[in-house]
């Protein structure tokens, strides 16, 4: 596995090549991430490790926001699976959260939602 990263201010570029799995072709990833105030944008494009796969066959895009006790992110991938996660630090080891995933199936059969409070002891 080889990873090359270059940082330029709040922006980071990465290039990864991984041939550790003997049953798959080399997986190549190209990524970029940048932070603007409380918002971070990131994008990664990759081959999927199968013969004839090109960089971009597998991709992930994400936007994140963090300020004070609140953090939120939304991600989307090549299968049109979107995920929204929101966390709010309540203090004292307690965190309120909401997590929602919208799957690629239009009938809602692979959608998921969870809401609750996590406690650390």
PDB file of N, CA and C in Angstrom:
ATOM      1  N   UNK A   1       0.853  -1.171   0.000  1.00  0.00           N
ATOM      2  CA  UNK A   1       0.000   0.000   0.000  1.00  0.00           C
ATOM      3  C   UNK A   1       0.897   1.230   0.000  1.00  0.00           C
ATOM      4  N   UNK A   2       0.554   2.172  -0.854  1.00  0.00           N
ATOM      5  CA  UNK A   2       1.278   3.436  -0.920  1.00  0.00           C
ATOM      6  C   UNK A   2       0.256   4.565  -0.777  1.00  0.00           C
ATOM      7  N   UNK A   3       0.564   5.507   0.100  1.00  0.00           N
ATOM      8  CA  UNK A   3      -0.302   6.669   0.294  1.00  0.00           C
ATOM      9  C   UNK A   3       0.552   7.922   0.154  1.00  0.00           C
ATOM     10  N   UNK A   4       0.110   8.822  -0.701  1.00  0.00           N
ATOM     11  CA  UNK A   4       0.770  10.115  -0.868  1.00  0.00           C
ATOM     12  C   UNK A   4      -0.264  11.179  -0.536  1.00  0.00           C
ATOM     13  N   UNK A   5       0.085  12.085   0.361  1.00  0.00           N
ATOM     14  CA  UNK A   5      -0.827  13.165   0.743  1.00  0.00           C
ATOM     15  C   UNK A   5      -0.078  14.487   0.645  1.00  0.00           C
ATOM     16  N   UNK A   6      -0.793  15.506   0.195  1.00  0.00           N
ATOM     17  CA  UNK A   6      -0.206  16.835   0.089  1.00  0.00           C
ATOM     18  C   UNK A   6      -1.195  17.832   0.683  1.00  0.00           C
ATOM     19  N   UNK A   7      -0.756  18.552   1.690  1.00  0.00           N
ATOM     20  CA  UNK A   7      -1.593  19.563   2.321  1.00  0.00           C
ATOM     21  C   UNK A   7      -1.224  20.947   1.845  1.00  0.00           C
ATOM     22  N   UNK A   8      -2.242  21.742   1.597  1.00  0.00           N
ATOM     23  CA  UNK A   8      -2.051  23.111   1.136  1.00  0.00           C
ATOM     24  C   UNK A   8      -3.062  23.970   1.895  1.00  0.00           C
ATOM     25  N   UNK A   9      -2.648  24.511   3.019  1.00  0.00           N
ATOM     26  CA  UNK A   9      -3.581  25.249   3.864  1.00  0.00           C
ATOM     27  C   UNK A   9      -4.610  24.299   4.454  1.00  0.00           C
ATOM     28  N   UNK A  10      -5.888  24.586   4.261  1.00  0.00           N
ATOM     29  CA  UNK A  10      -6.964  23.742   4.767  1.00  0.00           C
ATOM     30  C   UNK A  10      -7.415  22.692   3.748  1.00  0.00           C
ATOM     31  N   UNK A  11      -6.659  22.508   2.683  1.00  0.00           N
ATOM     32  CA  UNK A  11      -6.996  21.529   1.647  1.00  0.00           C
ATOM     33  C   UNK A  11      -5.943  20.424   1.623  1.00  0.00           C
ATOM     34  N   UNK A  12      -6.409  19.185   1.510  1.00  0.00           N
ATOM     35  CA  UNK A  12      -5.507  18.037   1.439  1.00  0.00           C
ATOM     36  C   UNK A  12      -5.867  17.184   0.222  1.00  0.00           C
ATOM     37  N   UNK A  13      -4.857  16.814  -0.541  1.00  0.00           N
ATOM     38  CA  UNK A  13      -5.014  15.926  -1.684  1.00  0.00           C
ATOM     39  C   UNK A  13      -4.368  14.593  -1.327  1.00  0.00           C
ATOM     40  N   UNK A  14      -5.018  13.476  -1.671  1.00  0.00           N
ATOM     41  CA  UNK A  14      -4.451  12.161  -1.385  1.00  0.00           C
ATOM     42  C   UNK A  14      -4.502  11.269  -2.624  1.00  0.00           C
ATOM     43  N   UNK A  15      -3.530  10.399  -2.714  1.00  0.00           N
ATOM     44  CA  UNK A  15      -3.477   9.378  -3.745  1.00  0.00           C
ATOM     45  C   UNK A  15      -3.061   8.089  -3.057  1.00  0.00           C
ATOM     46  N   UNK A  16      -3.848   7.027  -3.227  1.00  0.00           N
ATOM     47  CA  UNK A  16      -3.586   5.748  -2.583  1.00  0.00           C
ATOM     48  C   UNK A  16      -3.606   4.637  -3.619  1.00  0.00           C
ATOM     49  N   UNK A  17      -2.657   3.723  -3.497  1.00  0.00           N
ATOM     50  CA  UNK A  17      -2.631   2.532  -4.330  1.00  0.00           C
ATOM     51  C   UNK A  17      -2.461   1.334  -3.401  1.00  0.00           C
ATOM     52  N   UNK A  18      -3.361   0.341  -3.506  1.00  0.00           N
ATOM     53  CA  UNK A  18      -3.362  -0.793  -2.590  1.00  0.00           C
ATOM     54  C   UNK A  18      -3.565  -2.082  -3.366  1.00  0.00           C
ATOM     55  N   UNK A  19      -2.583  -2.984  -3.300  1.00  0.00           N
ATOM     56  CA  UNK A  19      -2.713  -4.279  -3.959  1.00  0.00           C
ATOM     57  C   UNK A  19      -2.559  -5.418  -2.953  1.00  0.00           C
ATOM     58  N   UNK A  20      -2.995  -5.214  -1.716  1.00  0.00           N
ATOM     59  CA  UNK A  20      -2.825  -6.188  -0.637  1.00  0.00           C
ATOM     60  C   UNK A  20      -3.666  -7.435  -0.827  1.00  0.00           C
ATOM     61  N   UNK A  21      -4.802  -7.331  -1.477  1.00  0.00           N
ATOM     62  CA  UNK A  21      -5.680  -8.488  -1.665  1.00  0.00           C
ATOM     63  C   UNK A  21      -5.257  -9.238  -2.923  1.00  0.00           C
ATOM     64  N   UNK A  22      -4.832 -10.494  -2.756  1.00  0.00           N
ATOM     65  CA  UNK A  22      -4.354 -11.291  -3.887  1.00  0.00           C
ATOM     66  C   UNK A  22      -5.451 -11.624  -4.897  1.00  0.00           C
ATOM     67  N   UNK A  23      -6.711 -11.538  -4.484  1.00  0.00           N
ATOM     68  CA  UNK A  23      -7.822 -11.905  -5.365  1.00  0.00           C
ATOM     69  C   UNK A  23      -8.407 -10.720  -6.114  1.00  0.00           C
ATOM     70  N   UNK A  24      -7.846  -9.542  -5.949  1.00  0.00           N
ATOM     71  CA  UNK A  24      -8.410  -8.357  -6.592  1.00  0.00           C
ATOM     72  C   UNK A  24      -7.318  -7.570  -7.298  1.00  0.00           C
ATOM     73  N   UNK A  25      -7.715  -6.772  -8.259  1.00  0.00           N
ATOM     74  CA  UNK A  25      -6.780  -5.864  -8.899  1.00  0.00           C
ATOM     75  C   UNK A  25      -6.435  -4.751  -7.913  1.00  0.00           C
ATOM     76  N   UNK A  26      -5.435  -3.983  -8.237  1.00  0.00           N
ATOM     77  CA  UNK A  26      -5.022  -2.873  -7.391  1.00  0.00           C
ATOM     78  C   UNK A  26      -6.156  -1.860  -7.271  1.00  0.00           C
ATOM     79  N   UNK A  27      -6.403  -1.416  -6.061  1.00  0.00           N
ATOM     80  CA  UNK A  27      -7.412  -0.384  -5.813  1.00  0.00           C
ATOM     81  C   UNK A  27      -6.694   0.960  -5.742  1.00  0.00           C
ATOM     82  N   UNK A  28      -7.095   1.871  -6.601  1.00  0.00           N
ATOM     83  CA  UNK A  28      -6.505   3.199  -6.645  1.00  0.00           C
ATOM     84  C   UNK A  28      -7.545   4.210  -6.190  1.00  0.00           C
ATOM     85  N   UNK A  29      -7.154   5.114  -5.270  1.00  0.00           N
ATOM     86  CA  UNK A  29      -8.059   6.148  -4.770  1.00  0.00           C
ATOM     87  C   UNK A  29      -7.424   7.517  -4.943  1.00  0.00           C
ATOM     88  N   UNK A  30      -8.255   8.473  -5.317  1.00  0.00           N
ATOM     89  CA  UNK A  30      -7.853   9.871  -5.410  1.00  0.00           C
ATOM     90  C   UNK A  30      -8.854  10.660  -4.581  1.00  0.00           C
ATOM     91  N   UNK A  31      -8.358  11.506  -3.685  1.00  0.00           N
ATOM     92  CA  UNK A  31      -9.270  12.245  -2.825  1.00  0.00           C
ATOM     93  C   UNK A  31      -8.846  13.682  -2.617  1.00  0.00           C
ATOM     94  N   UNK A  32      -9.822  14.488  -2.234  1.00  0.00           N
ATOM     95  CA  UNK A  32      -9.574  15.878  -1.875  1.00  0.00           C
ATOM     96  C   UNK A  32     -10.497  16.235  -0.712  1.00  0.00           C
ATOM     97  N   UNK A  33      -9.975  17.008   0.212  1.00  0.00           N
ATOM     98  CA  UNK A  33     -10.754  17.469   1.354  1.00  0.00           C
ATOM     99  C   UNK A  33     -10.365  18.912   1.639  1.00  0.00           C
ATOM    100  N   UNK A  34     -11.363  19.740   1.895  1.00  0.00           N
ATOM    101  CA  UNK A  34     -11.075  21.128   2.214  1.00  0.00           C
ATOM    102  C   UNK A  34     -12.016  21.616   3.300  1.00  0.00           C
ATOM    103  N   UNK A  35     -11.498  22.495   4.150  1.00  0.00           N
ATOM    104  CA  UNK A  35     -12.282  23.037   5.255  1.00  0.00           C
ATOM    105  C   UNK A  35     -12.427  24.544   5.068  1.00  0.00           C
ATOM    106  N   UNK A  36     -13.668  25.000   5.183  1.00  0.00           N
ATOM    107  CA  UNK A  36     -13.967  26.428   5.106  1.00  0.00           C
ATOM    108  C   UNK A  36     -14.764  26.766   6.352  1.00  0.00           C
ATOM    109  N   UNK A  37     -14.130  27.465   7.272  1.00  0.00           N
ATOM    110  CA  UNK A  37     -14.719  27.782   8.574  1.00  0.00           C
ATOM    111  C   UNK A  37     -15.186  26.496   9.261  1.00  0.00           C
ATOM    112  N   UNK A  38     -16.475  26.325   9.528  1.00  0.00           N
ATOM    113  CA  UNK A  38     -16.987  25.159  10.251  1.00  0.00           C
ATOM    114  C   UNK A  38     -17.441  24.044   9.311  1.00  0.00           C
ATOM    115  N   UNK A  39     -17.247  24.221   8.007  1.00  0.00           N
ATOM    116  CA  UNK A  39     -17.727  23.252   7.021  1.00  0.00           C
ATOM    117  C   UNK A  39     -16.538  22.563   6.345  1.00  0.00           C
ATOM    118  N   UNK A  40     -16.620  21.245   6.219  1.00  0.00           N
ATOM    119  CA  UNK A  40     -15.600  20.463   5.536  1.00  0.00           C
ATOM    120  C   UNK A  40     -16.246  19.727   4.367  1.00  0.00           C
ATOM    121  N   UNK A  41     -15.626  19.821   3.203  1.00  0.00           N
ATOM    122  CA  UNK A  41     -16.065  19.118   2.007  1.00  0.00           C
ATOM    123  C   UNK A  41     -15.020  18.063   1.669  1.00  0.00           C
ATOM    124  N   UNK A  42     -15.461  16.851   1.316  1.00  0.00           N
ATOM    125  CA  UNK A  42     -14.500  15.836   0.892  1.00  0.00           C
ATOM    126  C   UNK A  42     -15.091  14.995  -0.235  1.00  0.00           C
ATOM    127  N   UNK A  43     -14.192  14.509  -1.088  1.00  0.00           N
ATOM    128  CA  UNK A  43     -14.590  13.670  -2.212  1.00  0.00           C
ATOM    129  C   UNK A  43     -13.471  12.665  -2.464  1.00  0.00           C
ATOM    130  N   UNK A  44     -13.857  11.410  -2.641  1.00  0.00           N
ATOM    131  CA  UNK A  44     -12.900  10.356  -2.954  1.00  0.00           C
ATOM    132  C   UNK A  44     -13.443   9.548  -4.128  1.00  0.00           C
ATOM    133  N   UNK A  45     -12.611   9.337  -5.122  1.00  0.00           N
ATOM    134  CA  UNK A  45     -12.952   8.484  -6.264  1.00  0.00           C
ATOM    135  C   UNK A  45     -11.987   7.315  -6.256  1.00  0.00           C
ATOM    136  N   UNK A  46     -12.501   6.114  -6.551  1.00  0.00           N
ATOM    137  CA  UNK A  46     -11.654   4.923  -6.488  1.00  0.00           C
ATOM    138  C   UNK A  46     -12.071   3.896  -7.523  1.00  0.00           C
ATOM    139  N   UNK A  47     -11.132   3.018  -7.840  1.00  0.00           N
ATOM    140  CA  UNK A  47     -11.486   1.817  -8.586  1.00  0.00           C
ATOM    141  C   UNK A  47     -12.019   0.827  -7.555  1.00  0.00           C
ATOM    142  N   UNK A  48     -12.770  -0.168  -7.990  1.00  0.00           N
ATOM    143  CA  UNK A  48     -13.383  -1.067  -7.005  1.00  0.00           C
ATOM    144  C   UNK A  48     -12.669  -2.400  -6.846  1.00  0.00           C
ATOM    145  N   UNK A  49     -11.502  -2.568  -7.455  1.00  0.00           N
ATOM    146  CA  UNK A  49     -10.711  -3.777  -7.274  1.00  0.00           C
ATOM    147  C   UNK A  49     -11.065  -4.932  -8.187  1.00  0.00           C
ATOM    148  N   UNK A  50     -11.915  -4.678  -9.170  1.00  0.00           N
ATOM    149  CA  UNK A  50     -12.240  -5.737 -10.134  1.00  0.00           C
ATOM    150  C   UNK A  50     -11.525  -5.445 -11.450  1.00  0.00           C
ATOM    151  N   UNK A  51     -11.359  -6.466 -12.257  1.00  0.00           N
ATOM    152  CA  UNK A  51     -10.687  -6.303 -13.547  1.00  0.00           C
ATOM    153  C   UNK A  51     -11.429  -5.272 -14.400  1.00  0.00           C
ATOM    154  N   UNK A  52     -10.691  -4.345 -14.968  1.00  0.00           N
ATOM    155  CA  UNK A  52     -11.275  -3.336 -15.833  1.00  0.00           C
ATOM    156  C   UNK A  52     -11.909  -2.167 -15.100  1.00  0.00           C
ATOM    157  N   UNK A  53     -11.821  -2.138 -13.791  1.00  0.00           N
ATOM    158  CA  UNK A  53     -12.402  -1.042 -13.016  1.00  0.00           C
ATOM    159  C   UNK A  53     -11.567   0.221 -13.177  1.00  0.00           C
ATOM    160  N   UNK A  54     -12.240   1.352 -13.276  1.00  0.00           N
ATOM    161  CA  UNK A  54     -11.563   2.642 -13.405  1.00  0.00           C
ATOM    162  C   UNK A  54     -11.773   3.464 -12.149  1.00  0.00           C
ATOM    163  N   UNK A  55     -10.846   4.394 -11.913  1.00  0.00           N
ATOM    164  CA  UNK A  55     -11.034   5.343 -10.814  1.00  0.00           C
ATOM    165  C   UNK A  55     -12.304   6.122 -11.110  1.00  0.00           C
ATOM    166  N   UNK A  56     -13.186   6.178 -10.162  1.00  0.00           N
ATOM    167  CA  UNK A  56     -14.478   6.831 -10.348  1.00  0.00           C
ATOM    168  C   UNK A  56     -15.628   5.838 -10.364  1.00  0.00           C
ATOM    169  N   UNK A  57     -15.312   4.536 -10.502  1.00  0.00           N
ATOM    170  CA  UNK A  57     -16.374   3.531 -10.435  1.00  0.00           C
ATOM    171  C   UNK A  57     -16.970   3.476  -9.021  1.00  0.00           C
ATOM    172  N   UNK A  58     -16.166   3.809  -8.038  1.00  0.00           N
ATOM    173  CA  UNK A  58     -16.587   3.852  -6.640  1.00  0.00           C
ATOM    174  C   UNK A  58     -16.239   5.245  -6.131  1.00  0.00           C
ATOM    175  N   UNK A  59     -17.208   5.986  -5.631  1.00  0.00           N
ATOM    176  CA  UNK A  59     -16.926   7.335  -5.135  1.00  0.00           C
ATOM    177  C   UNK A  59     -17.767   7.646  -3.907  1.00  0.00           C
ATOM    178  N   UNK A  60     -17.274   8.585  -3.116  1.00  0.00           N
ATOM    179  CA  UNK A  60     -17.964   9.064  -1.919  1.00  0.00           C
ATOM    180  C   UNK A  60     -17.786  10.571  -1.827  1.00  0.00           C
ATOM    181  N   UNK A  61     -18.877  11.266  -1.553  1.00  0.00           N
ATOM    182  CA  UNK A  61     -18.843  12.706  -1.347  1.00  0.00           C
ATOM    183  C   UNK A  61     -19.462  12.993   0.021  1.00  0.00           C
ATOM    184  N   UNK A  62     -18.889  13.969   0.748  1.00  0.00           N
ATOM    185  CA  UNK A  62     -19.378  14.249   2.090  1.00  0.00           C
ATOM    186  C   UNK A  62     -19.205  15.725   2.408  1.00  0.00           C
ATOM    187  N   UNK A  63     -20.196  16.284   3.090  1.00  0.00           N
ATOM    188  CA  UNK A  63     -20.095  17.627   3.630  1.00  0.00           C
ATOM    189  C   UNK A  63     -20.387  17.519   5.121  1.00  0.00           C
ATOM    190  N   UNK A  64     -19.542  18.154   5.931  1.00  0.00           N
ATOM    191  CA  UNK A  64     -19.682  18.094   7.384  1.00  0.00           C
ATOM    192  C   UNK A  64     -19.692  19.502   7.958  1.00  0.00           C
ATOM    193  N   UNK A  65     -20.405  19.645   9.079  1.00  0.00           N
ATOM    194  CA  UNK A  65     -20.480  20.921   9.786  1.00  0.00           C
ATOM    195  C   UNK A  65     -20.234  20.652  11.259  1.00  0.00           C
ATOM    196  N   UNK A  66     -19.423  21.484  11.878  1.00  0.00           N
ATOM    197  CA  UNK A  66     -19.168  21.318  13.304  1.00  0.00           C
ATOM    198  C   UNK A  66     -18.973  22.687  13.939  1.00  0.00           C
ATOM    199  N   UNK A  67     -19.760  22.954  14.972  1.00  0.00           N
ATOM    200  CA  UNK A  67     -19.638  24.203  15.707  1.00  0.00           C
ATOM    201  C   UNK A  67     -20.157  23.981  17.125  1.00  0.00           C
ATOM    202  N   UNK A  68     -19.309  24.216  18.099  1.00  0.00           N
ATOM    203  CA  UNK A  68     -19.716  24.023  19.482  1.00  0.00           C
ATOM    204  C   UNK A  68     -20.105  22.586  19.741  1.00  0.00           C
ATOM    205  N   UNK A  69     -21.274  22.384  20.311  1.00  0.00           N
ATOM    206  CA  UNK A  69     -21.744  21.044  20.669  1.00  0.00           C
ATOM    207  C   UNK A  69     -22.398  20.301  19.507  1.00  0.00           C
ATOM    208  N   UNK A  70     -22.632  20.990  18.390  1.00  0.00           N
ATOM    209  CA  UNK A  70     -23.344  20.403  17.256  1.00  0.00           C
ATOM    210  C   UNK A  70     -22.386  19.943  16.166  1.00  0.00           C
ATOM    211  N   UNK A  71     -22.609  18.745  15.660  1.00  0.00           N
ATOM    212  CA  UNK A  71     -21.908  18.286  14.461  1.00  0.00           C
ATOM    213  C   UNK A  71     -22.917  17.568  13.577  1.00  0.00           C
ATOM    214  N   UNK A  72     -22.771  17.767  12.283  1.00  0.00           N
ATOM    215  CA  UNK A  72     -23.689  17.149  11.324  1.00  0.00           C
ATOM    216  C   UNK A  72     -22.919  16.825  10.055  1.00  0.00           C
ATOM    217  N   UNK A  73     -23.351  15.758   9.365  1.00  0.00           N
ATOM    218  CA  UNK A  73     -22.722  15.414   8.093  1.00  0.00           C
ATOM    219  C   UNK A  73     -23.753  14.776   7.172  1.00  0.00           C
ATOM    220  N   UNK A  74     -23.532  14.967   5.879  1.00  0.00           N
ATOM    221  CA  UNK A  74     -24.339  14.312   4.860  1.00  0.00           C
ATOM    222  C   UNK A  74     -23.375  13.699   3.860  1.00  0.00           C
ATOM    223  N   UNK A  75     -23.590  12.428   3.528  1.00  0.00           N
ATOM    224  CA  UNK A  75     -22.731  11.756   2.561  1.00  0.00           C
ATOM    225  C   UNK A  75     -23.577  11.075   1.493  1.00  0.00           C
ATOM    226  N   UNK A  76     -22.970  10.907   0.334  1.00  0.00           N
ATOM    227  CA  UNK A  76     -23.630  10.280  -0.809  1.00  0.00           C
ATOM    228  C   UNK A  76     -22.577   9.462  -1.547  1.00  0.00           C
ATOM    229  N   UNK A  77     -22.988   8.307  -2.111  1.00  0.00           N
ATOM    230  CA  UNK A  77     -22.035   7.491  -2.854  1.00  0.00           C
ATOM    231  C   UNK A  77     -22.573   7.122  -4.227  1.00  0.00           C
ATOM    232  N   UNK A  78     -21.788   6.318  -4.949  1.00  0.00           N
ATOM    233  CA  UNK A  78     -22.125   5.972  -6.336  1.00  0.00           C
ATOM    234  C   UNK A  78     -23.413   5.173  -6.461  1.00  0.00           C
ATOM    235  N   UNK A  79     -23.883   4.567  -5.387  1.00  0.00           N
ATOM    236  CA  UNK A  79     -25.135   3.810  -5.410  1.00  0.00           C
ATOM    237  C   UNK A  79     -26.335   4.676  -5.019  1.00  0.00           C
ATOM    238  N   UNK A  80     -26.161   5.988  -4.947  1.00  0.00           N
ATOM    239  CA  UNK A  80     -27.193   6.944  -4.536  1.00  0.00           C
ATOM    240  C   UNK A  80     -27.697   6.672  -3.122  1.00  0.00           C
ATOM    241  N   UNK A  81     -26.811   6.177  -2.262  1.00  0.00           N
ATOM    242  CA  UNK A  81     -27.153   5.982  -0.859  1.00  0.00           C
ATOM    243  C   UNK A  81     -26.707   7.214  -0.103  1.00  0.00           C
ATOM    244  N   UNK A  82     -27.671   7.918   0.464  1.00  0.00           N
ATOM    245  CA  UNK A  82     -27.392   9.125   1.228  1.00  0.00           C
ATOM    246  C   UNK A  82     -27.526   8.862   2.707  1.00  0.00           C
ATOM    247  N   UNK A  83     -26.673   9.500   3.501  1.00  0.00           N
ATOM    248  CA  UNK A  83     -26.717   9.312   4.943  1.00  0.00           C
ATOM    249  C   UNK A  83     -26.546  10.657   5.632  1.00  0.00           C
ATOM    250  N   UNK A  84     -27.459  10.953   6.558  1.00  0.00           N
ATOM    251  CA  UNK A  84     -27.413  12.167   7.359  1.00  0.00           C
ATOM    252  C   UNK A  84     -27.209  11.770   8.807  1.00  0.00           C
ATOM    253  N   UNK A  85     -26.211  12.354   9.451  1.00  0.00           N
ATOM    254  CA  UNK A  85     -25.925  12.079  10.858  1.00  0.00           C
ATOM    255  C   UNK A  85     -25.803  13.416  11.582  1.00  0.00           C
ATOM    256  N   UNK A  86     -26.526  13.542  12.714  1.00  0.00           N
ATOM    257  CA  UNK A  86     -26.467  14.751  13.532  1.00  0.00           C
ATOM    258  C   UNK A  86     -26.194  14.326  14.969  1.00  0.00           C
ATOM    259  N   UNK A  87     -25.219  14.969  15.603  1.00  0.00           N
ATOM    260  CA  UNK A  87     -24.884  14.723  17.004  1.00  0.00           C
ATOM    261  C   UNK A  87     -24.892  16.044  17.751  1.00  0.00           C
ATOM    262  N   UNK A  88     -25.395  15.988  18.997  1.00  0.00           N
ATOM    263  CA  UNK A  88     -25.368  17.174  19.844  1.00  0.00           C
ATOM    264  C   UNK A  88     -24.881  16.751  21.228  1.00  0.00           C
ATOM    265  N   UNK A  89     -23.773  17.341  21.662  1.00  0.00           N
ATOM    266  CA  UNK A  89     -23.188  17.020  22.958  1.00  0.00           C
ATOM    267  C   UNK A  89     -24.013  17.687  24.052  1.00  0.00           C
ATOM    268  N   UNK A  90     -24.636  16.850  24.892  1.00  0.00           N
ATOM    269  CA  UNK A  90     -25.470  17.358  25.987  1.00  0.00           C
ATOM    270  C   UNK A  90     -24.664  17.643  27.243  1.00  0.00           C
ATOM    271  N   UNK A  91     -23.400  17.236  27.254  1.00  0.00           N
ATOM    272  CA  UNK A  91     -22.548  17.420  28.425  1.00  0.00           C
ATOM    273  C   UNK A  91     -22.637  16.229  29.366  1.00  0.00           C
ATOM    274  N   UNK A  92     -21.655  16.085  30.213  1.00  0.00           N
ATOM    275  CA  UNK A  92     -21.658  15.015  31.197  1.00  0.00           C
ATOM    276  C   UNK A  92     -21.579  13.624  30.598  1.00  0.00           C
ATOM    277  N   UNK A  93     -21.058  13.495  29.386  1.00  0.00           N
ATOM    278  CA  UNK A  93     -20.944  12.195  28.739  1.00  0.00           C
ATOM    279  C   UNK A  93     -22.163  11.787  27.943  1.00  0.00           C
ATOM    280  N   UNK A  94     -23.161  12.650  27.821  1.00  0.00           N
ATOM    281  CA  UNK A  94     -24.383  12.328  27.072  1.00  0.00           C
ATOM    282  C   UNK A  94     -24.376  13.047  25.717  1.00  0.00           C
ATOM    283  N   UNK A  95     -24.797  12.332  24.679  1.00  0.00           N
ATOM    284  CA  UNK A  95     -24.886  12.880  23.334  1.00  0.00           C
ATOM    285  C   UNK A  95     -26.209  12.467  22.703  1.00  0.00           C
ATOM    286  N   UNK A  96     -26.955  13.437  22.197  1.00  0.00           N
ATOM    287  CA  UNK A  96     -28.176  13.141  21.437  1.00  0.00           C
ATOM    288  C   UNK A  96     -27.776  12.956  19.981  1.00  0.00           C
ATOM    289  N   UNK A  97     -28.426  12.010  19.300  1.00  0.00           N
ATOM    290  CA  UNK A  97     -28.056  11.755  17.915  1.00  0.00           C
ATOM    291  C   UNK A  97     -29.282  11.438  17.067  1.00  0.00           C
ATOM    292  N   UNK A  98     -29.111  11.658  15.771  1.00  0.00           N
ATOM    293  CA  UNK A  98     -30.084  11.233  14.764  1.00  0.00           C
ATOM    294  C   UNK A  98     -29.272  10.739  13.578  1.00  0.00           C
ATOM    295  N   UNK A  99     -29.664   9.594  13.042  1.00  0.00           N
ATOM    296  CA  UNK A  99     -28.979   9.018  11.893  1.00  0.00           C
ATOM    297  C   UNK A  99     -30.033   8.514  10.917  1.00  0.00           C
ATOM    298  N   UNK A 100     -29.960   8.968   9.685  1.00  0.00           N
ATOM    299  CA  UNK A 100     -30.917   8.568   8.671  1.00  0.00           C
ATOM    300  C   UNK A 100     -30.187   8.172   7.395  1.00  0.00           C
ATOM    301  N   UNK A 101     -30.569   7.031   6.828  1.00  0.00           N
ATOM    302  CA  UNK A 101     -29.974   6.549   5.587  1.00  0.00           C
ATOM    303  C   UNK A 101     -31.083   6.331   4.573  1.00  0.00           C
ATOM    304  N   UNK A 102     -30.917   6.896   3.406  1.00  0.00           N
ATOM    305  CA  UNK A 102     -31.857   6.680   2.302  1.00  0.00           C
ATOM    306  C   UNK A 102     -31.170   5.792   1.287  1.00  0.00           C
ATOM    307  N   UNK A 103     -31.675   4.579   1.136  1.00  0.00           N
ATOM    308  CA  UNK A 103     -31.070   3.613   0.235  1.00  0.00           C
ATOM    309  C   UNK A 103     -31.411   3.879  -1.216  1.00  0.00           C
ATOM    310  N   UNK A 104     -30.773   3.114  -2.077  1.00  0.00           N
ATOM    311  CA  UNK A 104     -30.952   3.282  -3.524  1.00  0.00           C
ATOM    312  C   UNK A 104     -32.300   2.772  -4.019  1.00  0.00           C
ATOM    313  N   UNK A 105     -32.935   1.878  -3.269  1.00  0.00           N
ATOM    314  CA  UNK A 105     -34.234   1.355  -3.690  1.00  0.00           C
ATOM    315  C   UNK A 105     -35.315   2.405  -3.455  1.00  0.00           C
ATOM    316  N   UNK A 106     -36.134   2.647  -4.451  1.00  0.00           N
ATOM    317  CA  UNK A 106     -37.174   3.670  -4.347  1.00  0.00           C
ATOM    318  C   UNK A 106     -38.355   3.253  -3.489  1.00  0.00           C
ATOM    319  N   UNK A 107     -38.436   1.971  -3.120  1.00  0.00           N
ATOM    320  CA  UNK A 107     -39.569   1.514  -2.310  1.00  0.00           C
ATOM    321  C   UNK A 107     -39.346   1.694  -0.809  1.00  0.00           C
ATOM    322  N   UNK A 108     -38.181   2.199  -0.418  1.00  0.00           N
ATOM    323  CA  UNK A 108     -37.899   2.454   0.995  1.00  0.00           C
ATOM    324  C   UNK A 108     -37.490   1.226   1.781  1.00  0.00           C
ATOM    325  N   UNK A 109     -37.340   0.079   1.131  1.00  0.00           N
ATOM    326  CA  UNK A 109     -37.049  -1.154   1.852  1.00  0.00           C
ATOM    327  C   UNK A 109     -35.656  -1.188   2.473  1.00  0.00           C
ATOM    328  N   UNK A 110     -34.739  -0.344   2.001  1.00  0.00           N
ATOM    329  CA  UNK A 110     -33.423  -0.329   2.622  1.00  0.00           C
ATOM    330  C   UNK A 110     -33.109   1.008   3.296  1.00  0.00           C
ATOM    331  N   UNK A 111     -34.147   1.788   3.618  1.00  0.00           N
ATOM    332  CA  UNK A 111     -33.983   3.022   4.377  1.00  0.00           C
ATOM    333  C   UNK A 111     -33.814   2.684   5.860  1.00  0.00           C
ATOM    334  N   UNK A 112     -33.183   3.598   6.606  1.00  0.00           N
ATOM    335  CA  UNK A 112     -32.929   3.359   8.021  1.00  0.00           C
ATOM    336  C   UNK A 112     -32.931   4.684   8.757  1.00  0.00           C
ATOM    337  N   UNK A 113     -33.526   4.718   9.941  1.00  0.00           N
ATOM    338  CA  UNK A 113     -33.500   5.898  10.806  1.00  0.00           C
ATOM    339  C   UNK A 113     -33.319   5.454  12.243  1.00  0.00           C
ATOM    340  N   UNK A 114     -32.515   6.221  12.984  1.00  0.00           N
ATOM    341  CA  UNK A 114     -32.333   5.959  14.410  1.00  0.00           C
ATOM    342  C   UNK A 114     -32.163   7.286  15.116  1.00  0.00           C
ATOM    343  N   UNK A 115     -32.807   7.406  16.266  1.00  0.00           N
ATOM    344  CA  UNK A 115     -32.720   8.609  17.092  1.00  0.00           C
ATOM    345  C   UNK A 115     -32.496   8.153  18.528  1.00  0.00           C
ATOM    346  N   UNK A 116     -31.729   8.902  19.290  1.00  0.00           N
ATOM    347  CA  UNK A 116     -31.545   8.492  20.671  1.00  0.00           C
ATOM    348  C   UNK A 116     -30.523   9.314  21.404  1.00  0.00           C
ATOM    349  N   UNK A 117     -30.106   8.782  22.530  1.00  0.00           N
ATOM    350  CA  UNK A 117     -29.117   9.423  23.393  1.00  0.00           C
ATOM    351  C   UNK A 117     -28.065   8.360  23.738  1.00  0.00           C
ATOM    352  N   UNK A 118     -26.805   8.722  23.573  1.00  0.00           N
ATOM    353  CA  UNK A 118     -25.696   7.868  23.983  1.00  0.00           C
ATOM    354  C   UNK A 118     -25.125   8.379  25.295  1.00  0.00           C
ATOM    355  N   UNK A 119     -24.729   7.443  26.155  1.00  0.00           N
ATOM    356  CA  UNK A 119     -24.123   7.790  27.430  1.00  0.00           C
ATOM    357  C   UNK A 119     -22.762   7.140  27.536  1.00  0.00           C
ATOM    358  N   UNK A 120     -21.761   7.895  28.013  1.00  0.00           N
ATOM    359  CA  UNK A 120     -20.438   7.352  28.294  1.00  0.00           C
ATOM    360  C   UNK A 120     -20.265   7.312  29.797  1.00  0.00           C
ATOM    361  N   UNK A 121     -19.863   6.152  30.292  1.00  0.00           N
ATOM    362  CA  UNK A 121     -19.665   6.010  31.739  1.00  0.00           C
ATOM    363  C   UNK A 121     -18.199   5.836  32.034  1.00  0.00           C
TER     364      UNK A 121
END
